Amino acid sequence: MEKNLTYIALFAALIAVLGLVPKIDLASGVPITAQSLGIMLCGTVLGAKRGALAVLLFLALTLAGLPLLSGGRGGLGVLASPTVGYIIGFPIAAFVTGLIVQSWRAPILPVAIVAAFVGGLVVLNLIGIVGMAFMLGKTLPEATLLAAPYMIGDTIKAVLAGLVTQAIGQMRPDALLSRG
């Protein structure tokens, strides 16, 4: 139990630290950040439940006002921005990513890459695009075009998440809770 709480807190902190990487603002109002890599890692390393809990802890702290989102954003106001779909999608993406890693018994590298791609790119962007369309008054196809530039970076992050997960599994197999 204590080990789980420690990992959940550690990965919530990881997501926050990844927000310190300078964001790149796009016309959509949704920045390109490294935080989605943290969301992917929550799932690939911690598994579905613990990964989602780490993200929910991060979001609770953010919505309470701590400036943990990229660019130093925080508070309830972030729910009234074009990023709302991505924020809502964070714990869902971590859960889906973790569920895939837990369910698919194949070598960790391809499983983690596929899981991070499905959860961290497909699921997260589907929810994010819906939120962006709603907040910007765009159609879903228009919002999808606005989100297209994120897909390249998210693909790279999915591969990085797979590589990091594999490295953790090789160095500290007991730390790979998604496979425990």
N, C-alpha and C. Protein backbone atom coordinates (compact mmCIF):
# COMPACT_ATOMS: atom_id res chain seq x y z
N MET A 1 0.82 -1.19 0.00
CA MET A 1 0.00 0.00 0.00
C MET A 1 0.87 1.26 0.00
N GLU A 2 1.85 1.30 0.89
CA GLU A 2 2.72 2.46 0.98
C GLU A 2 3.53 2.63 -0.31
N LYS A 3 3.96 1.52 -0.89
CA LYS A 3 4.71 1.56 -2.15
C LYS A 3 3.83 2.14 -3.26
N ASN A 4 2.57 1.73 -3.30
CA ASN A 4 1.65 2.27 -4.31
C ASN A 4 1.47 3.77 -4.17
N LEU A 5 1.27 4.23 -2.94
CA LEU A 5 1.09 5.67 -2.71
C LEU A 5 2.34 6.46 -3.11
N THR A 6 3.49 5.89 -2.83
CA THR A 6 4.73 6.55 -3.19
C THR A 6 4.86 6.69 -4.70
N TYR A 7 4.57 5.61 -5.42
CA TYR A 7 4.64 5.66 -6.88
C TYR A 7 3.60 6.61 -7.47
N ILE A 8 2.41 6.62 -6.92
CA ILE A 8 1.37 7.53 -7.41
C ILE A 8 1.81 8.98 -7.24
N ALA A 9 2.34 9.31 -6.06
CA ALA A 9 2.83 10.67 -5.81
C ALA A 9 4.02 11.00 -6.71
N LEU A 10 4.91 10.04 -6.88
CA LEU A 10 6.10 10.25 -7.71
C LEU A 10 5.70 10.55 -9.16
N PHE A 11 4.75 9.81 -9.69
CA PHE A 11 4.36 10.02 -11.08
C PHE A 11 3.52 11.28 -11.25
N ALA A 12 2.76 11.68 -10.23
CA ALA A 12 2.07 12.97 -10.28
C ALA A 12 3.12 14.09 -10.35
N ALA A 13 4.18 13.95 -9.58
CA ALA A 13 5.28 14.93 -9.62
C ALA A 13 5.98 14.92 -10.97
N LEU A 14 6.14 13.73 -11.57
CA LEU A 14 6.76 13.62 -12.89
C LEU A 14 5.96 14.41 -13.92
N ILE A 15 4.64 14.28 -13.89
CA ILE A 15 3.81 15.03 -14.84
C ILE A 15 4.02 16.54 -14.63
N ALA A 16 4.08 16.96 -13.38
CA ALA A 16 4.29 18.38 -13.08
C ALA A 16 5.65 18.85 -13.60
N VAL A 17 6.68 18.06 -13.37
CA VAL A 17 8.03 18.42 -13.83
C VAL A 17 8.08 18.52 -15.35
N LEU A 18 7.38 17.61 -16.03
CA LEU A 18 7.36 17.66 -17.49
C LEU A 18 6.66 18.92 -18.00
N GLY A 19 5.88 19.56 -17.15
CA GLY A 19 5.27 20.84 -17.51
C GLY A 19 6.26 21.99 -17.51
N LEU A 20 7.43 21.78 -16.92
CA LEU A 20 8.46 22.82 -16.92
C LEU A 20 9.17 22.94 -18.25
N VAL A 21 9.09 21.88 -19.06
CA VAL A 21 9.67 21.94 -20.41
C VAL A 21 8.90 23.03 -21.14
N PRO A 22 9.59 23.98 -21.75
CA PRO A 22 8.86 25.09 -22.39
C PRO A 22 7.83 24.59 -23.39
N LYS A 23 6.63 25.18 -23.28
CA LYS A 23 5.54 24.80 -24.17
C LYS A 23 5.68 25.51 -25.50
N ILE A 24 5.06 24.93 -26.50
CA ILE A 24 5.01 25.55 -27.83
C ILE A 24 3.54 25.83 -28.11
N ASP A 25 3.19 27.11 -28.23
CA ASP A 25 1.80 27.48 -28.45
C ASP A 25 1.45 27.38 -29.93
N LEU A 26 0.28 26.81 -30.19
CA LEU A 26 -0.25 26.73 -31.54
C LEU A 26 -1.51 27.57 -31.64
N ALA A 27 -2.00 27.77 -32.84
CA ALA A 27 -3.16 28.62 -33.08
C ALA A 27 -4.41 28.13 -32.36
N SER A 28 -4.48 26.85 -32.05
CA SER A 28 -5.67 26.28 -31.40
C SER A 28 -5.82 26.74 -29.96
N GLY A 29 -4.75 27.24 -29.35
CA GLY A 29 -4.78 27.59 -27.94
C GLY A 29 -4.40 26.43 -27.04
N VAL A 30 -4.10 25.28 -27.64
CA VAL A 30 -3.65 24.11 -26.88
C VAL A 30 -2.15 23.97 -27.14
N PRO A 31 -1.32 24.09 -26.09
CA PRO A 31 0.12 24.04 -26.31
C PRO A 31 0.63 22.61 -26.52
N ILE A 32 1.74 22.50 -27.21
CA ILE A 32 2.47 21.24 -27.29
C ILE A 32 3.34 21.18 -26.04
N THR A 33 3.20 20.12 -25.26
CA THR A 33 3.95 20.01 -24.01
C THR A 33 4.52 18.60 -23.88
N ALA A 34 5.35 18.42 -22.88
CA ALA A 34 5.90 17.10 -22.58
C ALA A 34 5.03 16.35 -21.58
N GLN A 35 4.00 17.00 -21.05
CA GLN A 35 3.19 16.37 -20.01
C GLN A 35 2.46 15.13 -20.49
N SER A 36 2.11 15.07 -21.76
CA SER A 36 1.43 13.86 -22.24
C SER A 36 2.36 12.64 -22.18
N LEU A 37 3.66 12.86 -22.24
CA LEU A 37 4.61 11.76 -22.03
C LEU A 37 4.45 11.21 -20.61
N GLY A 38 4.27 12.09 -19.65
CA GLY A 38 4.05 11.66 -18.26
C GLY A 38 2.77 10.86 -18.12
N ILE A 39 1.73 11.26 -18.85
CA ILE A 39 0.46 10.53 -18.82
C ILE A 39 0.68 9.12 -19.36
N MET A 40 1.41 9.02 -20.47
CA MET A 40 1.70 7.70 -21.06
C MET A 40 2.49 6.83 -20.09
N LEU A 41 3.50 7.41 -19.46
CA LEU A 41 4.34 6.66 -18.51
C LEU A 41 3.54 6.22 -17.29
N CYS A 42 2.59 7.01 -16.86
CA CYS A 42 1.74 6.59 -15.73
C CYS A 42 1.08 5.26 -16.05
N GLY A 43 0.57 5.14 -17.26
CA GLY A 43 -0.08 3.90 -17.65
C GLY A 43 0.87 2.75 -17.88
N THR A 44 1.97 3.02 -18.61
CA THR A 44 2.88 1.93 -18.96
C THR A 44 3.64 1.40 -17.75
N VAL A 45 3.93 2.24 -16.79
CA VAL A 45 4.72 1.83 -15.63
C VAL A 45 3.84 1.42 -14.45
N LEU A 46 2.82 2.23 -14.16
CA LEU A 46 2.01 1.99 -12.96
C LEU A 46 0.81 1.08 -13.21
N GLY A 47 0.38 0.96 -14.46
CA GLY A 47 -0.82 0.20 -14.75
C GLY A 47 -2.05 1.09 -14.76
N ALA A 48 -3.19 0.49 -15.01
CA ALA A 48 -4.43 1.25 -15.23
C ALA A 48 -4.87 2.05 -14.00
N LYS A 49 -5.10 1.37 -12.88
CA LYS A 49 -5.65 2.05 -11.71
C LYS A 49 -4.67 3.04 -11.10
N ARG A 50 -3.45 2.58 -10.83
CA ARG A 50 -2.47 3.47 -10.20
C ARG A 50 -2.09 4.61 -11.14
N GLY A 51 -2.00 4.33 -12.43
CA GLY A 51 -1.69 5.38 -13.40
C GLY A 51 -2.76 6.45 -13.42
N ALA A 52 -4.02 6.03 -13.45
CA ALA A 52 -5.13 6.99 -13.44
C ALA A 52 -5.15 7.77 -12.13
N LEU A 53 -4.85 7.09 -11.00
CA LEU A 53 -4.82 7.78 -9.71
C LEU A 53 -3.71 8.83 -9.65
N ALA A 54 -2.56 8.52 -10.24
CA ALA A 54 -1.47 9.51 -10.28
C ALA A 54 -1.90 10.74 -11.06
N VAL A 55 -2.58 10.53 -12.18
CA VAL A 55 -3.04 11.66 -12.99
C VAL A 55 -4.13 12.43 -12.24
N LEU A 56 -5.03 11.72 -11.57
CA LEU A 56 -6.08 12.41 -10.81
C LEU A 56 -5.49 13.24 -9.67
N LEU A 57 -4.44 12.74 -9.03
CA LEU A 57 -3.75 13.52 -7.99
C LEU A 57 -3.16 14.79 -8.60
N PHE A 58 -2.49 14.64 -9.73
CA PHE A 58 -1.94 15.80 -10.44
C PHE A 58 -3.04 16.81 -10.77
N LEU A 59 -4.16 16.32 -11.29
CA LEU A 59 -5.26 17.21 -11.67
C LEU A 59 -5.89 17.87 -10.45
N ALA A 60 -6.02 17.15 -9.35
CA ALA A 60 -6.59 17.72 -8.13
C ALA A 60 -5.74 18.90 -7.65
N LEU A 61 -4.44 18.70 -7.67
CA LEU A 61 -3.53 19.77 -7.26
C LEU A 61 -3.60 20.95 -8.23
N THR A 62 -3.70 20.64 -9.51
CA THR A 62 -3.78 21.69 -10.53
C THR A 62 -5.08 22.48 -10.39
N LEU A 63 -6.20 21.78 -10.27
CA LEU A 63 -7.49 22.46 -10.17
C LEU A 63 -7.63 23.21 -8.84
N ALA A 64 -6.86 22.80 -7.83
CA ALA A 64 -6.85 23.52 -6.55
C ALA A 64 -6.09 24.83 -6.66
N GLY A 65 -5.41 25.03 -7.79
CA GLY A 65 -4.74 26.31 -8.00
C GLY A 65 -3.24 26.25 -8.18
N LEU A 66 -2.62 25.11 -7.97
CA LEU A 66 -1.18 25.03 -8.18
C LEU A 66 -0.88 25.16 -9.68
N PRO A 67 0.10 25.94 -10.03
CA PRO A 67 0.41 26.18 -11.46
C PRO A 67 1.24 25.04 -12.06
N LEU A 68 0.63 23.87 -12.19
CA LEU A 68 1.37 22.68 -12.61
C LEU A 68 1.25 22.37 -14.10
N LEU A 69 0.29 22.96 -14.77
CA LEU A 69 0.20 22.73 -16.22
C LEU A 69 1.28 23.55 -16.91
N SER A 70 1.65 23.13 -18.10
CA SER A 70 2.70 23.84 -18.82
C SER A 70 2.36 25.32 -18.90
N GLY A 71 3.39 26.13 -18.81
CA GLY A 71 3.20 27.58 -18.83
C GLY A 71 2.75 28.14 -17.49
N GLY A 72 2.74 27.30 -16.45
CA GLY A 72 2.36 27.78 -15.12
C GLY A 72 0.87 27.99 -14.94
N ARG A 73 0.08 27.21 -15.65
CA ARG A 73 -1.38 27.35 -15.54
C ARG A 73 -1.92 26.42 -14.46
N GLY A 74 -2.96 26.86 -13.82
CA GLY A 74 -3.63 26.06 -12.81
C GLY A 74 -4.90 26.73 -12.38
N GLY A 75 -5.68 26.06 -11.56
CA GLY A 75 -6.95 26.61 -11.11
C GLY A 75 -8.10 26.13 -11.97
N LEU A 76 -9.30 26.43 -11.52
CA LEU A 76 -10.49 25.99 -12.24
C LEU A 76 -10.64 26.64 -13.62
N GLY A 77 -9.98 27.76 -13.82
CA GLY A 77 -10.06 28.45 -15.11
C GLY A 77 -9.58 27.61 -16.28
N VAL A 78 -8.72 26.63 -16.03
CA VAL A 78 -8.23 25.80 -17.14
C VAL A 78 -9.35 24.96 -17.74
N LEU A 79 -10.45 24.79 -16.98
CA LEU A 79 -11.59 24.03 -17.50
C LEU A 79 -12.43 24.86 -18.46
N ALA A 80 -12.12 26.14 -18.58
CA ALA A 80 -12.84 27.02 -19.51
C ALA A 80 -11.94 27.41 -20.66
N SER A 81 -11.02 26.54 -21.01
CA SER A 81 -10.08 26.83 -22.10
C SER A 81 -10.14 25.71 -23.13
N PRO A 82 -9.53 25.91 -24.28
CA PRO A 82 -9.53 24.86 -25.31
C PRO A 82 -8.83 23.58 -24.87
N THR A 83 -8.11 23.61 -23.77
CA THR A 83 -7.41 22.41 -23.28
C THR A 83 -8.29 21.51 -22.44
N VAL A 84 -9.53 21.89 -22.19
CA VAL A 84 -10.40 21.15 -21.27
C VAL A 84 -10.54 19.68 -21.65
N GLY A 85 -10.67 19.37 -22.93
CA GLY A 85 -10.81 17.98 -23.35
C GLY A 85 -9.57 17.16 -23.04
N TYR A 86 -8.42 17.78 -23.21
CA TYR A 86 -7.17 17.08 -22.90
C TYR A 86 -7.05 16.85 -21.40
N ILE A 87 -7.45 17.85 -20.61
CA ILE A 87 -7.39 17.71 -19.15
C ILE A 87 -8.32 16.59 -18.69
N ILE A 88 -9.53 16.56 -19.21
CA ILE A 88 -10.47 15.49 -18.88
C ILE A 88 -9.94 14.15 -19.36
N GLY A 89 -9.29 14.15 -20.51
CA GLY A 89 -8.78 12.91 -21.10
C GLY A 89 -7.54 12.35 -20.44
N PHE A 90 -6.80 13.15 -19.68
CA PHE A 90 -5.56 12.67 -19.06
C PHE A 90 -5.75 11.38 -18.26
N PRO A 91 -6.65 11.34 -17.26
CA PRO A 91 -6.76 10.09 -16.49
C PRO A 91 -7.31 8.93 -17.30
N ILE A 92 -8.18 9.22 -18.25
CA ILE A 92 -8.74 8.16 -19.11
C ILE A 92 -7.63 7.57 -19.98
N ALA A 93 -6.79 8.43 -20.53
CA ALA A 93 -5.67 7.97 -21.37
C ALA A 93 -4.70 7.12 -20.56
N ALA A 94 -4.38 7.54 -19.34
CA ALA A 94 -3.48 6.75 -18.49
C ALA A 94 -4.10 5.40 -18.17
N PHE A 95 -5.40 5.38 -17.89
CA PHE A 95 -6.09 4.13 -17.56
C PHE A 95 -6.06 3.17 -18.76
N VAL A 96 -6.41 3.67 -19.94
CA VAL A 96 -6.43 2.83 -21.14
C VAL A 96 -5.03 2.31 -21.44
N THR A 97 -4.04 3.18 -21.34
CA THR A 97 -2.65 2.77 -21.58
C THR A 97 -2.26 1.65 -20.62
N GLY A 98 -2.54 1.83 -19.35
CA GLY A 98 -2.20 0.82 -18.35
C GLY A 98 -2.96 -0.48 -18.55
N LEU A 99 -4.21 -0.38 -18.94
CA LEU A 99 -5.02 -1.57 -19.17
C LEU A 99 -4.45 -2.42 -20.30
N ILE A 100 -3.98 -1.77 -21.34
CA ILE A 100 -3.38 -2.50 -22.46
C ILE A 100 -2.10 -3.20 -22.02
N VAL A 101 -1.25 -2.48 -21.28
CA VAL A 101 0.01 -3.09 -20.82
C VAL A 101 -0.26 -4.27 -19.89
N GLN A 102 -1.23 -4.13 -19.01
CA GLN A 102 -1.56 -5.20 -18.08
C GLN A 102 -2.16 -6.42 -18.79
N SER A 103 -2.89 -6.20 -19.85
CA SER A 103 -3.63 -7.27 -20.51
C SER A 103 -2.83 -8.02 -21.56
N TRP A 104 -1.90 -7.37 -22.18
CA TRP A 104 -1.21 -7.95 -23.33
C TRP A 104 0.12 -8.53 -22.87
N ARG A 105 0.24 -9.83 -22.85
CA ARG A 105 1.45 -10.50 -22.37
C ARG A 105 2.41 -10.79 -23.51
N ALA A 106 3.10 -9.78 -23.93
CA ALA A 106 4.13 -9.87 -24.96
C ALA A 106 5.32 -9.08 -24.43
N PRO A 107 6.44 -9.08 -25.13
CA PRO A 107 7.58 -8.27 -24.67
C PRO A 107 7.16 -6.82 -24.41
N ILE A 108 7.70 -6.26 -23.35
CA ILE A 108 7.25 -4.95 -22.86
C ILE A 108 7.44 -3.82 -23.87
N LEU A 109 8.50 -3.81 -24.65
CA LEU A 109 8.73 -2.68 -25.56
C LEU A 109 7.58 -2.50 -26.55
N PRO A 110 7.24 -3.51 -27.35
CA PRO A 110 6.15 -3.28 -28.29
C PRO A 110 4.81 -3.03 -27.60
N VAL A 111 4.58 -3.71 -26.49
CA VAL A 111 3.32 -3.51 -25.76
C VAL A 111 3.23 -2.08 -25.25
N ALA A 112 4.29 -1.58 -24.65
CA ALA A 112 4.28 -0.23 -24.11
C ALA A 112 4.13 0.82 -25.20
N ILE A 113 4.77 0.62 -26.33
CA ILE A 113 4.64 1.58 -27.44
C ILE A 113 3.20 1.59 -27.96
N VAL A 114 2.65 0.41 -28.20
CA VAL A 114 1.27 0.33 -28.70
C VAL A 114 0.30 0.92 -27.67
N ALA A 115 0.49 0.58 -26.41
CA ALA A 115 -0.39 1.09 -25.36
C ALA A 115 -0.31 2.61 -25.25
N ALA A 116 0.91 3.14 -25.27
CA ALA A 116 1.08 4.59 -25.20
C ALA A 116 0.48 5.28 -26.42
N PHE A 117 0.60 4.64 -27.58
CA PHE A 117 0.02 5.20 -28.80
C PHE A 117 -1.50 5.20 -28.71
N VAL A 118 -2.08 4.09 -28.32
CA VAL A 118 -3.54 3.99 -28.24
C VAL A 118 -4.09 4.92 -27.15
N GLY A 119 -3.54 4.83 -25.95
CA GLY A 119 -4.04 5.65 -24.85
C GLY A 119 -3.64 7.11 -24.95
N GLY A 120 -2.33 7.32 -25.16
CA GLY A 120 -1.79 8.68 -25.11
C GLY A 120 -1.94 9.48 -26.38
N LEU A 121 -2.22 8.82 -27.48
CA LEU A 121 -2.42 9.56 -28.73
C LEU A 121 -3.88 9.44 -29.17
N VAL A 122 -4.37 8.25 -29.38
CA VAL A 122 -5.72 8.08 -29.92
C VAL A 122 -6.77 8.55 -28.91
N VAL A 123 -6.80 7.93 -27.74
CA VAL A 123 -7.83 8.25 -26.75
C VAL A 123 -7.72 9.71 -26.31
N LEU A 124 -6.51 10.13 -25.96
CA LEU A 124 -6.33 11.50 -25.46
C LEU A 124 -6.72 12.53 -26.52
N ASN A 125 -6.33 12.31 -27.76
CA ASN A 125 -6.67 13.29 -28.80
C ASN A 125 -8.15 13.25 -29.17
N LEU A 126 -8.78 12.09 -29.12
CA LEU A 126 -10.23 12.05 -29.38
C LEU A 126 -10.98 12.92 -28.38
N ILE A 127 -10.67 12.75 -27.11
CA ILE A 127 -11.33 13.54 -26.08
C ILE A 127 -10.92 15.00 -26.17
N GLY A 128 -9.63 15.24 -26.42
CA GLY A 128 -9.13 16.60 -26.54
C GLY A 128 -9.75 17.36 -27.70
N ILE A 129 -9.93 16.68 -28.82
CA ILE A 129 -10.51 17.32 -30.00
C ILE A 129 -11.97 17.69 -29.75
N VAL A 130 -12.70 16.83 -29.07
CA VAL A 130 -14.10 17.16 -28.73
C VAL A 130 -14.15 18.41 -27.85
N GLY A 131 -13.29 18.46 -26.83
CA GLY A 131 -13.24 19.64 -25.97
C GLY A 131 -12.82 20.89 -26.71
N MET A 132 -11.84 20.75 -27.59
CA MET A 132 -11.36 21.88 -28.38
C MET A 132 -12.48 22.40 -29.30
N ALA A 133 -13.17 21.48 -29.96
CA ALA A 133 -14.26 21.87 -30.86
C ALA A 133 -15.33 22.63 -30.09
N PHE A 134 -15.70 22.11 -28.92
CA PHE A 134 -16.72 22.75 -28.10
C PHE A 134 -16.29 24.15 -27.66
N MET A 135 -15.09 24.26 -27.12
CA MET A 135 -14.62 25.54 -26.58
C MET A 135 -14.33 26.59 -27.66
N LEU A 136 -13.93 26.14 -28.84
CA LEU A 136 -13.60 27.08 -29.92
C LEU A 136 -14.75 27.29 -30.89
N GLY A 137 -15.85 26.57 -30.69
CA GLY A 137 -16.98 26.69 -31.60
C GLY A 137 -16.66 26.17 -33.00
N LYS A 138 -15.90 25.11 -33.06
CA LYS A 138 -15.50 24.50 -34.34
C LYS A 138 -16.24 23.19 -34.54
N THR A 139 -16.26 22.73 -35.77
CA THR A 139 -16.77 21.39 -36.04
C THR A 139 -15.69 20.40 -35.66
N LEU A 140 -16.07 19.13 -35.52
CA LEU A 140 -15.07 18.11 -35.20
C LEU A 140 -13.99 18.01 -36.29
N PRO A 141 -14.32 18.05 -37.58
CA PRO A 141 -13.26 18.02 -38.59
C PRO A 141 -12.32 19.24 -38.50
N GLU A 142 -12.88 20.41 -38.21
CA GLU A 142 -12.04 21.61 -38.06
C GLU A 142 -11.10 21.47 -36.86
N ALA A 143 -11.65 20.99 -35.76
CA ALA A 143 -10.82 20.80 -34.56
C ALA A 143 -9.77 19.71 -34.79
N THR A 144 -10.12 18.68 -35.55
CA THR A 144 -9.14 17.62 -35.86
C THR A 144 -7.98 18.19 -36.65
N LEU A 145 -8.27 19.07 -37.60
CA LEU A 145 -7.18 19.72 -38.36
C LEU A 145 -6.31 20.56 -37.45
N LEU A 146 -6.92 21.23 -36.49
CA LEU A 146 -6.12 22.02 -35.54
C LEU A 146 -5.23 21.13 -34.67
N ALA A 147 -5.71 19.92 -34.38
CA ALA A 147 -4.96 19.00 -33.51
C ALA A 147 -3.92 18.18 -34.27
N ALA A 148 -3.97 18.17 -35.58
CA ALA A 148 -3.07 17.33 -36.38
C ALA A 148 -1.59 17.51 -36.03
N PRO A 149 -1.11 18.74 -35.80
CA PRO A 149 0.32 18.89 -35.47
C PRO A 149 0.75 18.15 -34.20
N TYR A 150 -0.19 17.88 -33.29
CA TYR A 150 0.16 17.18 -32.05
C TYR A 150 0.48 15.72 -32.29
N MET A 151 -0.07 15.17 -33.36
CA MET A 151 0.05 13.73 -33.60
C MET A 151 1.51 13.28 -33.82
N ILE A 152 2.29 14.10 -34.47
CA ILE A 152 3.70 13.76 -34.72
C ILE A 152 4.45 13.67 -33.39
N GLY A 153 4.30 14.70 -32.57
CA GLY A 153 4.97 14.70 -31.27
C GLY A 153 4.47 13.59 -30.37
N ASP A 154 3.18 13.31 -30.42
CA ASP A 154 2.62 12.25 -29.58
C ASP A 154 3.14 10.88 -30.00
N THR A 155 3.36 10.70 -31.29
CA THR A 155 3.94 9.44 -31.77
C THR A 155 5.35 9.26 -31.23
N ILE A 156 6.12 10.33 -31.26
CA ILE A 156 7.49 10.29 -30.72
C ILE A 156 7.44 10.00 -29.21
N LYS A 157 6.51 10.64 -28.51
CA LYS A 157 6.38 10.42 -27.06
C LYS A 157 5.98 8.98 -26.76
N ALA A 158 5.14 8.38 -27.61
CA ALA A 158 4.73 6.98 -27.39
C ALA A 158 5.94 6.06 -27.50
N VAL A 159 6.81 6.32 -28.46
CA VAL A 159 8.03 5.51 -28.60
C VAL A 159 8.94 5.73 -27.40
N LEU A 160 9.09 6.98 -26.98
CA LEU A 160 9.92 7.28 -25.79
C LEU A 160 9.34 6.60 -24.55
N ALA A 161 8.03 6.63 -24.39
CA ALA A 161 7.40 5.96 -23.25
C ALA A 161 7.71 4.47 -23.27
N GLY A 162 7.67 3.87 -24.46
CA GLY A 162 7.99 2.45 -24.58
C GLY A 162 9.43 2.16 -24.19
N LEU A 163 10.34 3.01 -24.67
CA LEU A 163 11.76 2.81 -24.37
C LEU A 163 12.06 3.00 -22.88
N VAL A 164 11.46 4.02 -22.27
CA VAL A 164 11.66 4.26 -20.85
C VAL A 164 11.08 3.10 -20.03
N THR A 165 9.90 2.65 -20.43
CA THR A 165 9.26 1.53 -19.72
C THR A 165 10.11 0.27 -19.83
N GLN A 166 10.65 0.01 -21.00
CA GLN A 166 11.51 -1.16 -21.18
C GLN A 166 12.75 -1.03 -20.29
N ALA A 167 13.35 0.16 -20.25
CA ALA A 167 14.55 0.37 -19.43
C ALA A 167 14.24 0.15 -17.95
N ILE A 168 13.09 0.65 -17.49
CA ILE A 168 12.70 0.43 -16.09
C ILE A 168 12.51 -1.06 -15.84
N GLY A 169 11.87 -1.75 -16.78
CA GLY A 169 11.65 -3.19 -16.64
C GLY A 169 12.93 -3.98 -16.58
N GLN A 170 13.96 -3.52 -17.30
CA GLN A 170 15.24 -4.22 -17.29
C GLN A 170 16.05 -3.91 -16.03
N MET A 171 16.03 -2.66 -15.61
CA MET A 171 16.83 -2.25 -14.46
C MET A 171 16.17 -2.61 -13.12
N ARG A 172 14.86 -2.41 -13.05
CA ARG A 172 14.13 -2.65 -11.80
C ARG A 172 12.79 -3.29 -12.12
N PRO A 173 12.79 -4.56 -12.44
CA PRO A 173 11.53 -5.23 -12.83
C PRO A 173 10.40 -5.09 -11.79
N ASP A 174 10.77 -5.03 -10.51
CA ASP A 174 9.75 -4.88 -9.48
C ASP A 174 9.10 -3.49 -9.48
N ALA A 175 9.72 -2.51 -10.14
CA ALA A 175 9.17 -1.18 -10.23
C ALA A 175 8.16 -1.05 -11.36
N LEU A 176 8.10 -2.03 -12.21
CA LEU A 176 7.17 -2.02 -13.33
C LEU A 176 5.84 -2.61 -12.84
N LEU A 177 5.07 -1.78 -12.16
CA LEU A 177 3.85 -2.23 -11.50
C LEU A 177 2.79 -2.68 -12.49
N SER A 178 2.86 -2.20 -13.73
CA SER A 178 1.88 -2.58 -14.73
C SER A 178 2.00 -4.05 -15.10
N ARG A 179 3.10 -4.66 -14.80
CA ARG A 179 3.32 -6.06 -15.10
C ARG A 179 3.33 -6.94 -13.86
N GLY A 180 3.05 -6.37 -12.71
CA GLY A 180 3.14 -7.09 -11.45
C GLY A 180 1.96 -7.94 -11.09
